């Protein structure tokens, strides 16, 4: 790589340095106008860390005249009470639960893969705070894809992921079956990772001045910096009332962490200007054959300049043509704009995660960094054609905002989801065999199954996948068959499948799905079974909390 691109002598860098100084001055002025004298400006010379210790609980004895009237009781521990916070102006792009399809009328189902996990972490935040999440905040596919499953690894890299299928009886409906499709991308070792050109785009506006926002952002990105190597480059762009470059491209971890420590919050939110500048920096330092990505960390509360979701999506779609991808990391509560965060990541050929704790930051940006940053397949689409002679009705569990038209599957100009190294994608269909009682009553004049479908009575479904290699423009096709015998021989789900089904049920219950047949949180717990993995154990605890709120 030509290191002269990072020299302080380049005209473009001088321009950014000048712009950064001007922008920084505007930001400092805005911060000074909007904060008290005791508050820090946006970029401080030094930030002193403060250790906050939890005050010990104390107990004052009652007056002597009351003590005699009080019965003696054994000492008990009363845990602290968590007061639920109002979600306030939080925004979600709610979709109705997927509708049931009649296979003879609509045999084909097409959708884009989704590797986002933000909905699960955000749902966890609500439950931890003692609130049921809004139905619009729950996307069942992101709940399922938060966890890893025992899918076969690719044996070589000629095909970037494996396709796994299995069928089981539905735990909540005796008349239906679950068909699971699982993809697993190949892993890469640390030594194999291509060089990365990363631009940290950080919201330092006044709305980020909460403990679960900017301080957590700095912790998250500082942790990511520690995972990078000497061949990687990090730039830092910040925005409040204006946008500016506060750190030129560097691989020096100490410089990155020092720049992060100096940031503080204040001012309005010019997010659109920040995105423009971040992409410009990424383009100027583009690494051919490497990873070129903007990582946006914000609560999504844009209120200056380009701020509408549609306008931001249009801006991101233009920028993605440069080969630079976008990861969005959501933080905070009260004014959180999840609808915008999820959508711009989708249109930026990237992924979206919600960071509710330092532990989640480590999971997303440390343990799963390769999945988060390094794309191995792009525009991945799934199309399932059901045989009406074998399958009467079906529905896709989740993926409501990833549905594509049938003709989009073969159209290589239609954007779809990307898969990173080691990523997994799971999709579950609930299906009713032909001739069995389904959700929709038989139609009087419904056309009988065509002869072609009867001739293929051994096939229940034909699954096709299209994908492009990271630098490719023409898609490749993979297909596989789910046999009718898999339905006839299906048993109750076990192991990994049982756990995936339990998470699917958990998400659908939170969404208020009326086809869950009174399946409740106690049933979810029984289906999931005992777990030894930390994240799965946490799921069981969250399910218990959700059940207590609903009374079952």
Protein backbone atom coordinates (compact mmCIF):
# COMPACT_ATOMS: atom_id res chain seq x y z
CA UNK A 1 0.00 0.00 0.00
CA UNK A 2 1.27 3.48 -0.80
CA UNK A 3 1.76 5.16 2.55
CA UNK A 4 2.20 8.54 0.89
CA UNK A 5 -1.60 8.72 0.73
CA UNK A 6 -1.57 9.30 4.48
CA UNK A 7 1.12 12.00 4.42
CA UNK A 8 0.34 15.38 5.94
CA UNK A 9 1.72 16.99 2.76
CA UNK A 10 -1.13 16.03 0.40
CA UNK A 11 -3.33 18.94 -0.74
CA UNK A 12 -6.50 17.00 0.05
CA UNK A 13 -5.34 16.36 3.62
CA UNK A 14 -4.50 20.06 4.05
CA UNK A 15 -7.98 20.88 2.86
CA UNK A 16 -9.51 18.51 5.43
CA UNK A 17 -7.27 19.85 8.17
CA UNK A 18 -8.43 23.39 7.34
CA UNK A 19 -12.05 22.22 7.13
CA UNK A 20 -11.67 20.38 10.40
CA UNK A 21 -10.39 23.52 12.07
CA UNK A 22 -13.25 25.62 10.75
CA UNK A 23 -15.83 22.93 11.55
CA UNK A 24 -14.31 22.41 14.96
CA UNK A 25 -14.57 26.10 15.71
CA UNK A 26 -18.24 26.11 14.73
CA UNK A 27 -18.90 23.03 16.85
CA UNK A 28 -17.13 24.53 19.87
CA UNK A 29 -19.13 27.74 19.47
CA UNK A 30 -22.37 25.79 19.28
CA UNK A 31 -21.40 23.73 22.28
CA UNK A 32 -20.51 26.85 24.25
CA UNK A 33 -23.85 28.43 23.40
CA UNK A 34 -25.84 25.36 24.36
CA UNK A 35 -24.07 24.34 27.57
CA UNK A 36 -23.27 25.89 30.91
CA UNK A 37 -19.81 27.23 31.80
CA UNK A 38 -19.06 24.13 33.79
CA UNK A 39 -19.65 21.77 30.86
CA UNK A 40 -16.84 20.54 28.60
CA UNK A 41 -16.59 21.68 24.96
CA UNK A 42 -16.99 19.04 22.25
CA UNK A 43 -13.24 18.39 21.90
CA UNK A 44 -11.56 18.76 25.28
CA UNK A 45 -7.83 18.79 25.96
CA UNK A 46 -8.21 16.21 28.67
CA UNK A 47 -11.04 14.12 30.04
CA UNK A 48 -10.71 12.88 33.57
CA UNK A 49 -12.39 9.55 34.21
CA UNK A 50 -14.64 9.38 37.23
CA UNK A 51 -15.27 6.15 39.07
CA UNK A 52 -18.86 6.06 40.25
CA UNK A 53 -19.35 3.75 43.19
CA UNK A 54 -22.76 2.48 44.13
CA UNK A 55 -23.75 3.95 47.48
CA UNK A 56 -24.27 1.30 50.16
CA UNK A 57 -27.83 0.78 51.31
CA UNK A 58 -28.45 2.18 54.77
CA UNK A 59 -31.28 1.68 57.24
CA UNK A 60 -32.43 4.06 59.93
CA UNK A 61 -34.16 2.28 62.86
CA UNK A 62 -37.71 3.40 63.72
CA UNK A 63 -38.38 5.58 66.77
CA UNK A 64 -38.45 3.70 70.06
CA UNK A 65 -42.21 4.22 70.48
CA UNK A 66 -42.84 2.48 67.15
CA UNK A 67 -40.40 -0.37 67.63
CA UNK A 68 -42.51 -2.11 70.27
CA UNK A 69 -45.46 -2.26 67.91
CA UNK A 70 -43.46 -3.81 65.09
CA UNK A 71 -43.30 -7.59 64.77
CA UNK A 72 -39.83 -9.05 64.61
CA UNK A 73 -39.15 -10.39 61.11
CA UNK A 74 -36.14 -12.22 59.67
CA UNK A 75 -33.63 -10.11 57.76
CA UNK A 76 -34.20 -10.13 53.99
CA UNK A 77 -32.40 -8.64 51.00
CA UNK A 78 -34.42 -6.21 48.90
CA UNK A 79 -32.88 -5.80 45.44
CA UNK A 80 -32.75 -2.29 43.95
CA UNK A 81 -35.79 -1.25 41.95
CA UNK A 82 -35.27 -0.41 38.26
CA UNK A 83 -37.67 2.33 37.21
CA UNK A 84 -38.79 1.84 33.59
CA UNK A 85 -37.91 4.75 31.33
CA UNK A 86 -40.30 6.15 28.77
CA UNK A 87 -39.19 5.31 25.21
CA UNK A 88 -40.40 8.81 24.34
CA UNK A 89 -39.58 9.78 20.76
CA UNK A 90 -38.08 6.48 19.69
CA UNK A 91 -38.94 5.62 16.09
CA UNK A 92 -39.50 2.17 14.58
CA UNK A 93 -40.48 1.06 11.10
CA UNK A 94 -43.18 -1.42 12.08
CA UNK A 95 -44.39 -4.06 9.62
CA UNK A 96 -47.37 -6.39 9.95
CA UNK A 97 -46.66 -10.04 10.74
CA UNK A 98 -46.14 -12.00 7.50
CA UNK A 99 -49.40 -13.21 6.02
CA UNK A 100 -50.28 -16.79 5.10
CA UNK A 101 -49.88 -17.78 1.45
CA UNK A 102 -51.78 -20.48 -0.46
CA UNK A 103 -49.19 -22.47 -2.38
CA UNK A 104 -51.40 -23.06 -5.41
CA UNK A 105 -51.95 -19.31 -5.81
CA UNK A 106 -48.55 -17.99 -4.66
CA UNK A 107 -46.03 -20.84 -4.77
CA UNK A 108 -42.93 -18.61 -4.80
CA UNK A 109 -41.46 -16.71 -1.85
CA UNK A 110 -38.46 -14.37 -2.37
CA UNK A 111 -36.51 -12.35 0.16
CA UNK A 112 -33.13 -10.80 0.91
CA UNK A 113 -30.97 -12.31 3.65
CA UNK A 114 -30.53 -10.35 6.87
CA UNK A 115 -27.50 -10.59 9.15
CA UNK A 116 -28.46 -7.70 11.45
CA UNK A 117 -28.81 -8.40 15.16
CA UNK A 118 -29.85 -4.97 16.45
CA UNK A 119 -33.48 -5.89 17.19
CA UNK A 120 -32.42 -8.55 19.70
CA UNK A 121 -30.06 -6.28 21.66
CA UNK A 122 -32.63 -3.47 21.62
CA UNK A 123 -35.35 -5.85 22.85
CA UNK A 124 -32.99 -6.93 25.63
CA UNK A 125 -32.55 -3.28 26.60
CA UNK A 126 -36.32 -2.83 26.98
CA UNK A 127 -36.76 -5.99 29.03
CA UNK A 128 -33.77 -5.18 31.25
CA UNK A 129 -35.34 -1.79 31.96
CA UNK A 130 -38.61 -3.43 32.96
CA UNK A 131 -40.63 -2.64 29.82
CA UNK A 132 -42.14 -4.77 27.10
CA UNK A 133 -40.61 -3.72 23.76
CA UNK A 134 -42.88 -2.09 21.17
CA UNK A 135 -43.98 -4.66 18.61
CA UNK A 136 -42.31 -2.59 15.91
CA UNK A 137 -38.94 -2.98 17.64
CA UNK A 138 -39.05 -6.77 17.30
CA UNK A 139 -37.84 -8.33 14.05
CA UNK A 140 -37.94 -12.07 14.55
CA UNK A 141 -35.25 -12.87 11.97
CA UNK A 142 -32.78 -10.66 13.88
CA UNK A 143 -33.69 -12.45 17.09
CA UNK A 144 -32.94 -15.83 15.50
CA UNK A 145 -29.76 -14.64 13.78
CA UNK A 146 -28.32 -13.27 17.02
CA UNK A 147 -27.29 -16.85 17.88
CA UNK A 148 -24.99 -19.35 16.21
CA UNK A 149 -26.06 -22.84 15.16
CA UNK A 150 -24.34 -26.10 14.19
CA UNK A 151 -24.35 -25.59 10.44
CA UNK A 152 -21.77 -27.34 8.28
CA UNK A 153 -18.70 -25.27 7.41
CA UNK A 154 -17.77 -24.69 3.76
CA UNK A 155 -15.19 -27.27 2.69
CA UNK A 156 -13.54 -24.78 0.33
CA UNK A 157 -13.98 -21.19 -0.78
CA UNK A 158 -15.24 -21.83 -4.28
CA UNK A 159 -18.67 -21.28 -2.71
CA UNK A 160 -18.55 -18.76 0.16
CA UNK A 161 -21.24 -20.41 2.30
CA UNK A 162 -23.00 -23.71 2.87
CA UNK A 163 -26.75 -24.26 2.54
CA UNK A 164 -28.36 -26.39 5.25
CA UNK A 165 -32.02 -27.47 5.39
CA UNK A 166 -34.13 -29.50 7.81
CA UNK A 167 -37.79 -30.05 8.70
CA UNK A 168 -39.51 -30.61 12.07
CA UNK A 169 -42.99 -30.67 13.56
CA UNK A 170 -44.17 -27.26 14.72
CA UNK A 171 -44.12 -27.07 18.54
CA UNK A 172 -47.10 -24.69 18.66
CA UNK A 173 -49.33 -26.23 15.98
CA UNK A 174 -49.91 -29.96 15.49
CA UNK A 175 -51.08 -29.41 11.91
CA UNK A 176 -47.99 -27.61 10.60
CA UNK A 177 -44.26 -28.14 10.07
CA UNK A 178 -41.20 -25.91 10.28
CA UNK A 179 -38.72 -25.82 7.40
CA UNK A 180 -35.38 -24.26 8.33
CA UNK A 181 -32.84 -22.86 5.86
CA UNK A 182 -29.41 -22.13 7.29
CA UNK A 183 -26.40 -20.48 5.64
CA UNK A 184 -22.90 -20.43 7.08
CA UNK A 185 -20.08 -18.36 5.62
CA UNK A 186 -16.45 -19.45 5.66
CA UNK A 187 -14.18 -18.18 8.42
CA UNK A 188 -10.97 -16.22 7.95
CA UNK A 189 -7.96 -16.16 10.26
CA UNK A 190 -6.61 -12.92 11.63
CA UNK A 191 -3.55 -13.27 9.39
CA UNK A 192 -5.80 -13.55 6.31
CA UNK A 193 -7.77 -10.39 6.88
CA UNK A 194 -7.35 -7.86 4.09
CA UNK A 195 -6.19 -4.36 5.00
CA UNK A 196 -8.99 -2.18 6.36
CA UNK A 197 -9.67 1.50 5.72
CA UNK A 198 -12.15 2.42 8.46
CA UNK A 199 -13.73 5.79 9.14
CA UNK A 200 -15.30 6.13 12.58
CA UNK A 201 -18.20 8.56 12.16
CA UNK A 202 -19.23 9.67 15.63
CA UNK A 203 -22.23 11.68 16.75
CA UNK A 204 -21.06 14.11 19.46
CA UNK A 205 -24.22 16.23 19.56
CA UNK A 206 -26.01 17.14 22.76
CA UNK A 207 -28.38 14.18 22.49
CA UNK A 208 -25.37 11.86 22.95
CA UNK A 209 -24.53 13.28 26.40
CA UNK A 210 -25.78 10.27 28.37
CA UNK A 211 -23.84 7.39 29.99
CA UNK A 212 -25.31 4.84 27.55
CA UNK A 213 -24.37 6.92 24.52
CA UNK A 214 -21.06 8.72 23.87
CA UNK A 215 -19.11 7.04 26.73
CA UNK A 216 -20.24 3.65 25.44
CA UNK A 217 -19.42 4.66 21.85
CA UNK A 218 -15.87 5.48 22.90
CA UNK A 219 -15.55 2.16 24.73
CA UNK A 220 -16.87 0.25 21.71
CA UNK A 221 -14.63 1.91 19.12
CA UNK A 222 -11.61 1.81 21.41
CA UNK A 223 -12.11 -1.94 21.67
CA UNK A 224 -12.34 -2.26 17.88
CA UNK A 225 -9.11 -0.30 17.48
CA UNK A 226 -7.38 -2.90 19.63
CA UNK A 227 -8.41 -5.65 17.20
CA UNK A 228 -6.78 -3.99 14.18
CA UNK A 229 -3.30 -4.54 12.79
CA UNK A 230 -0.52 -2.31 11.47
CA UNK A 231 -1.83 -2.60 7.90
CA UNK A 232 -5.22 -1.14 8.87
CA UNK A 233 -6.03 2.58 8.92
CA UNK A 234 -8.55 4.43 11.09
CA UNK A 235 -9.84 7.98 10.62
CA UNK A 236 -12.26 9.73 12.99
CA UNK A 237 -14.94 12.16 11.81
CA UNK A 238 -17.31 13.80 14.29
CA UNK A 239 -20.42 15.83 13.82
CA UNK A 240 -22.64 18.03 15.95
CA UNK A 241 -23.74 21.41 14.54
CA UNK A 242 -21.09 20.86 11.86
CA UNK A 243 -18.81 18.02 10.81
CA UNK A 244 -15.05 17.80 11.09
CA UNK A 245 -12.06 15.47 10.80
CA UNK A 246 -10.42 15.01 14.21
CA UNK A 247 -8.02 12.19 13.36
CA UNK A 248 -6.28 11.62 10.04
CA UNK A 249 -5.78 8.02 8.88
CA UNK A 250 -3.47 6.16 11.25
CA UNK A 251 -2.68 2.66 12.47
CA UNK A 252 -1.36 3.94 15.82
CA UNK A 253 -3.71 2.55 18.47
CA UNK A 254 -2.52 5.10 21.03
CA UNK A 255 -3.45 7.99 18.73
CA UNK A 256 -6.85 6.47 18.02
CA UNK A 257 -7.66 5.95 21.69
CA UNK A 258 -6.30 9.37 22.66
CA UNK A 259 -8.53 11.05 20.06
CA UNK A 260 -11.54 9.10 21.31
CA UNK A 261 -10.91 10.06 24.93
CA UNK A 262 -10.89 13.76 24.10
CA UNK A 263 -14.40 13.85 22.67
CA UNK A 264 -17.38 15.22 24.56
CA UNK A 265 -20.98 15.96 23.56
CA UNK A 266 -22.80 19.20 22.81
CA UNK A 267 -24.77 20.97 20.06
CA UNK A 268 -27.29 20.03 17.37
CA UNK A 269 -27.00 17.09 14.96
CA UNK A 270 -25.83 17.57 11.36
CA UNK A 271 -25.70 13.86 10.55
CA UNK A 272 -26.00 14.24 6.78
CA UNK A 273 -22.91 16.48 6.66
CA UNK A 274 -21.03 13.94 8.77
CA UNK A 275 -21.92 11.10 6.40
CA UNK A 276 -20.78 13.15 3.38
CA UNK A 277 -17.42 13.96 4.98
CA UNK A 278 -16.85 10.39 6.23
CA UNK A 279 -17.39 8.95 2.74
CA UNK A 280 -15.07 11.58 1.24
CA UNK A 281 -12.33 10.58 3.69
CA UNK A 282 -12.92 6.89 2.94
CA UNK A 283 -12.75 7.53 -0.82
CA UNK A 284 -9.48 9.48 -0.53
CA UNK A 285 -7.87 6.61 1.38
CA UNK A 286 -9.50 3.76 -0.55
CA UNK A 287 -7.63 0.43 -0.34
CA UNK A 288 -8.08 -1.59 -3.51
CA UNK A 289 -8.85 -5.19 -2.60
CA UNK A 290 -9.25 -4.23 1.05
CA UNK A 291 -12.11 -3.36 3.39
CA UNK A 292 -13.39 0.19 2.99
CA UNK A 293 -16.09 0.96 5.51
CA UNK A 294 -17.72 3.82 7.38
CA UNK A 295 -18.81 2.94 10.93
CA UNK A 296 -21.55 5.27 12.12
CA UNK A 297 -22.15 5.45 15.88
CA UNK A 298 -25.19 7.49 16.91
CA UNK A 299 -28.65 7.52 18.46
CA UNK A 300 -29.96 8.46 15.00
CA UNK A 301 -31.43 11.78 16.13
CA UNK A 302 -30.47 13.86 13.07
CA UNK A 303 -31.98 17.36 13.17
CA UNK A 304 -29.76 19.60 10.99
CA UNK A 305 -29.35 19.47 7.21
CA UNK A 306 -30.24 16.18 5.50
CA UNK A 307 -32.27 14.48 8.21
CA UNK A 308 -35.28 12.65 6.73
CA UNK A 309 -34.97 8.89 6.43
CA UNK A 310 -35.77 8.89 2.70
CA UNK A 311 -33.17 11.58 1.96
CA UNK A 312 -30.52 9.74 3.98
CA UNK A 313 -31.30 6.45 2.22
CA UNK A 314 -30.92 8.19 -1.15
CA UNK A 315 -27.58 9.67 -0.05
CA UNK A 316 -26.30 6.29 1.16
CA UNK A 317 -27.38 4.52 -2.05
CA UNK A 318 -25.30 6.97 -4.08
CA UNK A 319 -22.28 6.47 -1.84
CA UNK A 320 -22.34 2.67 -1.89
CA UNK A 321 -21.49 2.69 -5.61
CA UNK A 322 -17.95 3.74 -4.62
CA UNK A 323 -17.35 0.34 -3.01
CA UNK A 324 -17.50 1.73 0.52
CA UNK A 325 -19.87 -0.08 2.90
CA UNK A 326 -21.65 1.20 5.99
CA UNK A 327 -22.04 -0.29 9.46
CA UNK A 328 -24.43 1.45 11.85
CA UNK A 329 -24.11 1.09 15.61
CA UNK A 330 -27.11 2.31 17.60
CA UNK A 331 -26.89 3.65 21.13
CA UNK A 332 -29.15 5.02 23.85
CA UNK A 333 -32.85 5.38 24.53
CA UNK A 334 -35.62 7.94 24.67
CA UNK A 335 -34.97 9.54 21.28
CA UNK A 336 -33.48 6.52 19.50
CA UNK A 337 -34.28 6.41 15.77
CA UNK A 338 -33.99 2.69 15.06
CA UNK A 339 -35.96 2.93 11.82
CA UNK A 340 -33.29 5.14 10.28
CA UNK A 341 -30.35 3.14 11.66
CA UNK A 342 -31.57 -0.17 10.27
CA UNK A 343 -32.60 1.18 6.88
CA UNK A 344 -29.46 3.13 6.01
CA UNK A 345 -27.32 0.11 6.94
CA UNK A 346 -29.42 -2.05 4.60
CA UNK A 347 -29.01 0.43 1.75
CA UNK A 348 -25.32 0.95 2.52
CA UNK A 349 -24.43 -2.72 1.88
CA UNK A 350 -23.58 -3.11 5.55
CA UNK A 351 -25.04 -4.27 8.81
CA UNK A 352 -26.76 -2.83 11.86
CA UNK A 353 -26.19 -3.61 15.52
CA UNK A 354 -27.50 -2.05 18.71
CA UNK A 355 -24.95 -1.64 21.50
CA UNK A 356 -26.56 -1.69 24.93
CA UNK A 357 -23.48 -2.62 26.96
CA UNK A 358 -19.69 -2.90 26.83
CA UNK A 359 -20.18 -6.68 26.64
CA UNK A 360 -22.28 -6.33 23.48
CA UNK A 361 -19.66 -3.99 22.03
CA UNK A 362 -17.03 -6.66 22.59
CA UNK A 363 -19.26 -9.30 20.95
CA UNK A 364 -19.98 -7.22 17.83
CA UNK A 365 -16.66 -5.44 17.36
CA UNK A 366 -14.30 -7.96 18.95
CA UNK A 367 -15.48 -11.56 18.90
CA UNK A 368 -17.42 -11.09 15.64
CA UNK A 369 -15.24 -8.43 14.01
CA UNK A 370 -14.58 -10.54 10.91
CA UNK A 371 -18.34 -10.97 10.35
CA UNK A 372 -18.98 -7.28 10.98
CA UNK A 373 -16.30 -5.92 8.64
CA UNK A 374 -15.24 -8.47 6.02
CA UNK A 375 -17.78 -9.27 3.29
CA UNK A 376 -17.49 -12.66 1.55
CA UNK A 377 -20.74 -12.56 -0.49
CA UNK A 378 -23.02 -9.70 -1.47
CA UNK A 379 -26.57 -9.28 -2.75
CA UNK A 380 -27.59 -12.65 -1.31
CA UNK A 381 -31.20 -13.57 -2.12
CA UNK A 382 -33.27 -16.64 -1.29
CA UNK A 383 -36.20 -17.91 -3.35
CA UNK A 384 -38.36 -20.87 -2.33
CA UNK A 385 -40.87 -22.47 -4.69
CA UNK A 386 -43.35 -24.75 -2.92
CA UNK A 387 -44.93 -27.70 -4.71
CA UNK A 388 -48.73 -27.25 -4.35
CA UNK A 389 -49.20 -31.02 -4.60
CA UNK A 390 -47.26 -31.41 -1.36
CA UNK A 391 -47.56 -28.04 0.44
CA UNK A 392 -50.96 -26.41 0.83
CA UNK A 393 -50.14 -23.22 2.76
CA UNK A 394 -47.06 -21.53 4.17
CA UNK A 395 -45.75 -18.42 5.83
CA UNK A 396 -42.26 -16.98 6.33
CA UNK A 397 -41.44 -16.25 9.97
CA UNK A 398 -39.98 -12.73 10.04
CA UNK A 399 -38.18 -10.94 7.19
CA UNK A 400 -41.19 -8.67 6.67
CA UNK A 401 -39.04 -5.73 5.53
CA UNK A 402 -36.79 -7.92 3.34
CA UNK A 403 -39.43 -9.27 0.96
CA UNK A 404 -38.57 -9.06 -2.75
CA UNK A 405 -40.66 -9.49 -5.86
CA UNK A 406 -40.32 -12.78 -7.70
CA UNK A 407 -38.70 -11.04 -10.67
CA UNK A 408 -36.10 -9.41 -8.39
CA UNK A 409 -34.40 -12.74 -7.81
CA UNK A 410 -32.83 -12.96 -11.27
CA UNK A 411 -32.23 -9.20 -11.55
CA UNK A 412 -28.61 -8.51 -10.64
CA UNK A 413 -29.27 -4.79 -10.31
CA UNK A 414 -31.54 -5.34 -7.29
CA UNK A 415 -29.70 -4.81 -4.02
CA UNK A 416 -29.88 -7.44 -1.25
CA UNK A 417 -28.10 -8.38 1.96
CA UNK A 418 -24.41 -9.17 2.37
CA UNK A 419 -22.77 -11.99 4.32
CA UNK A 420 -19.55 -11.49 6.26
CA UNK A 421 -16.83 -13.99 7.12
CA UNK A 422 -18.24 -16.55 9.57
CA UNK A 423 -21.73 -15.07 9.37
CA UNK A 424 -24.77 -17.28 9.71
CA UNK A 425 -28.25 -16.66 8.33
CA UNK A 426 -31.35 -18.62 9.39
CA UNK A 427 -34.83 -18.49 7.87
CA UNK A 428 -37.82 -20.53 9.05
CA UNK A 429 -41.02 -21.26 7.13
CA UNK A 430 -44.12 -22.69 8.77
CA UNK A 431 -45.93 -24.93 6.26
CA UNK A 432 -49.17 -26.91 6.02
CA UNK A 433 -49.04 -30.13 3.96
CA UNK A 434 -51.54 -30.36 1.13
CA UNK A 435 -54.85 -31.85 2.22
CA UNK A 436 -54.39 -30.96 5.90
CA UNK A 437 -56.28 -28.30 7.81
CA UNK A 438 -54.57 -24.94 7.41
CA UNK A 439 -55.09 -21.37 8.52
CA UNK A 440 -57.23 -20.60 5.46
CA UNK A 441 -60.32 -22.67 4.64
CA UNK A 442 -60.37 -24.47 1.25
CA UNK A 443 -61.79 -22.41 -1.59
CA UNK A 444 -64.84 -23.74 -3.38
CA UNK A 445 -63.47 -23.10 -6.86
CA UNK A 446 -59.79 -23.53 -6.14
CA UNK A 447 -57.91 -24.99 -9.08
CA UNK A 448 -56.64 -28.51 -8.58
CA UNK A 449 -52.90 -29.06 -8.49
CA UNK A 450 -51.33 -28.97 -11.94
CA UNK A 451 -50.01 -32.15 -13.42
CA UNK A 452 -46.41 -30.87 -13.28
CA UNK A 453 -46.58 -30.55 -9.50
CA UNK A 454 -48.16 -34.01 -9.17
CA UNK A 455 -45.36 -35.49 -11.21
CA UNK A 456 -42.93 -34.16 -8.63
CA UNK A 457 -44.68 -35.57 -5.56
CA UNK A 458 -41.25 -36.41 -4.13
CA UNK A 459 -40.38 -32.70 -3.92
CA UNK A 460 -41.85 -30.40 -1.30
CA UNK A 461 -39.85 -27.28 -2.13
CA UNK A 462 -37.14 -26.04 -4.47
CA UNK A 463 -34.74 -23.63 -2.72
CA UNK A 464 -32.58 -21.30 -4.81
CA UNK A 465 -29.94 -18.80 -3.70
CA UNK A 466 -28.24 -16.06 -5.67
CA UNK A 467 -25.12 -14.21 -4.58
CA UNK A 468 -22.22 -12.22 -5.95
CA UNK A 469 -18.60 -12.36 -4.89
CA UNK A 470 -17.44 -9.16 -3.13
CA UNK A 471 -15.96 -7.67 -6.30
CA UNK A 472 -18.33 -9.34 -8.74
CA UNK A 473 -21.20 -7.90 -10.76
CA UNK A 474 -22.77 -11.14 -12.03
CA UNK A 475 -24.62 -13.40 -9.62
CA UNK A 476 -24.09 -17.10 -9.08
CA UNK A 477 -26.83 -19.66 -8.39
CA UNK A 478 -27.11 -22.46 -5.83
CA UNK A 479 -30.16 -24.69 -5.53
CA UNK A 480 -31.33 -27.61 -3.44
CA UNK A 481 -34.47 -29.71 -2.95
CA UNK A 482 -36.46 -30.38 0.23
CA UNK A 483 -38.16 -33.73 -0.27
CA UNK A 484 -41.71 -34.68 0.63
CA UNK A 485 -40.25 -37.53 2.67
CA UNK A 486 -38.70 -34.99 5.03
CA UNK A 487 -42.20 -33.83 5.92
CA UNK A 488 -43.56 -37.35 6.35
CA UNK A 489 -40.65 -38.36 8.58
CA UNK A 490 -40.42 -35.12 10.58
CA UNK A 491 -40.33 -35.29 14.35
CA UNK A 492 -40.28 -32.66 17.08
CA UNK A 493 -37.30 -30.29 16.72
CA UNK A 494 -34.24 -31.17 18.77
CA UNK A 495 -30.99 -29.51 19.75
CA UNK A 496 -30.10 -26.45 17.69
CA UNK A 497 -33.35 -26.55 15.72
CA UNK A 498 -35.37 -26.60 18.94
CA UNK A 499 -33.48 -23.58 20.24
CA UNK A 500 -33.92 -21.68 16.96
CA UNK A 501 -37.65 -22.47 17.06
CA UNK A 502 -37.85 -21.22 20.66
CA UNK A 503 -36.28 -17.90 19.68
CA UNK A 504 -38.65 -17.63 16.73
CA UNK A 505 -41.60 -18.26 19.06
CA UNK A 506 -40.25 -15.68 21.55
CA UNK A 507 -40.08 -13.05 18.81
CA UNK A 508 -43.51 -13.84 17.41
CA UNK A 509 -45.11 -13.74 20.88
CA UNK A 510 -43.57 -10.30 21.50
CA UNK A 511 -44.90 -9.20 18.10
CA UNK A 512 -48.43 -10.30 19.05
CA UNK A 513 -48.64 -13.02 16.37
CA UNK A 514 -52.18 -14.40 16.52
CA UNK A 515 -51.15 -17.73 14.92
CA UNK A 516 -49.02 -18.85 17.88
CA UNK A 517 -51.93 -20.96 19.21
CA UNK A 518 -51.62 -19.80 22.86
CA UNK A 519 -47.95 -20.85 22.94
CA UNK A 520 -46.54 -18.85 25.86
CA UNK A 521 -43.22 -18.02 27.50
CA UNK A 522 -43.32 -21.16 29.63
CA UNK A 523 -43.54 -23.17 26.43
CA UNK A 524 -40.61 -21.20 24.98
CA UNK A 525 -38.50 -22.13 28.00
CA UNK A 526 -39.40 -25.82 27.73
CA UNK A 527 -38.65 -25.83 23.99
CA UNK A 528 -35.28 -24.11 24.39
CA UNK A 529 -34.12 -26.60 27.01
CA UNK A 530 -31.11 -26.21 29.26
CA UNK A 531 -28.24 -24.22 27.80
CA UNK A 532 -24.58 -23.84 28.72
CA UNK A 533 -23.69 -20.98 26.35
CA UNK A 534 -23.71 -17.56 28.06
CA UNK A 535 -25.80 -15.80 25.41
CA UNK A 536 -28.35 -18.61 25.31
CA UNK A 537 -28.62 -18.60 29.09
CA UNK A 538 -29.25 -14.87 28.94
CA UNK A 539 -32.03 -15.51 26.41
CA UNK A 540 -33.74 -17.83 28.88
CA UNK A 541 -33.56 -15.11 31.52
CA UNK A 542 -35.04 -12.52 29.16
CA UNK A 543 -37.83 -14.93 28.24
CA UNK A 544 -38.56 -15.38 31.94
CA UNK A 545 -38.72 -11.61 32.44
CA UNK A 546 -41.05 -11.22 29.43
CA UNK A 547 -43.23 -14.03 30.76
CA UNK A 548 -43.49 -12.40 34.18
CA UNK A 549 -44.67 -9.17 32.55
CA UNK A 550 -47.39 -11.04 30.63
CA UNK A 551 -48.19 -13.45 33.43
CA UNK A 552 -47.13 -16.55 31.50
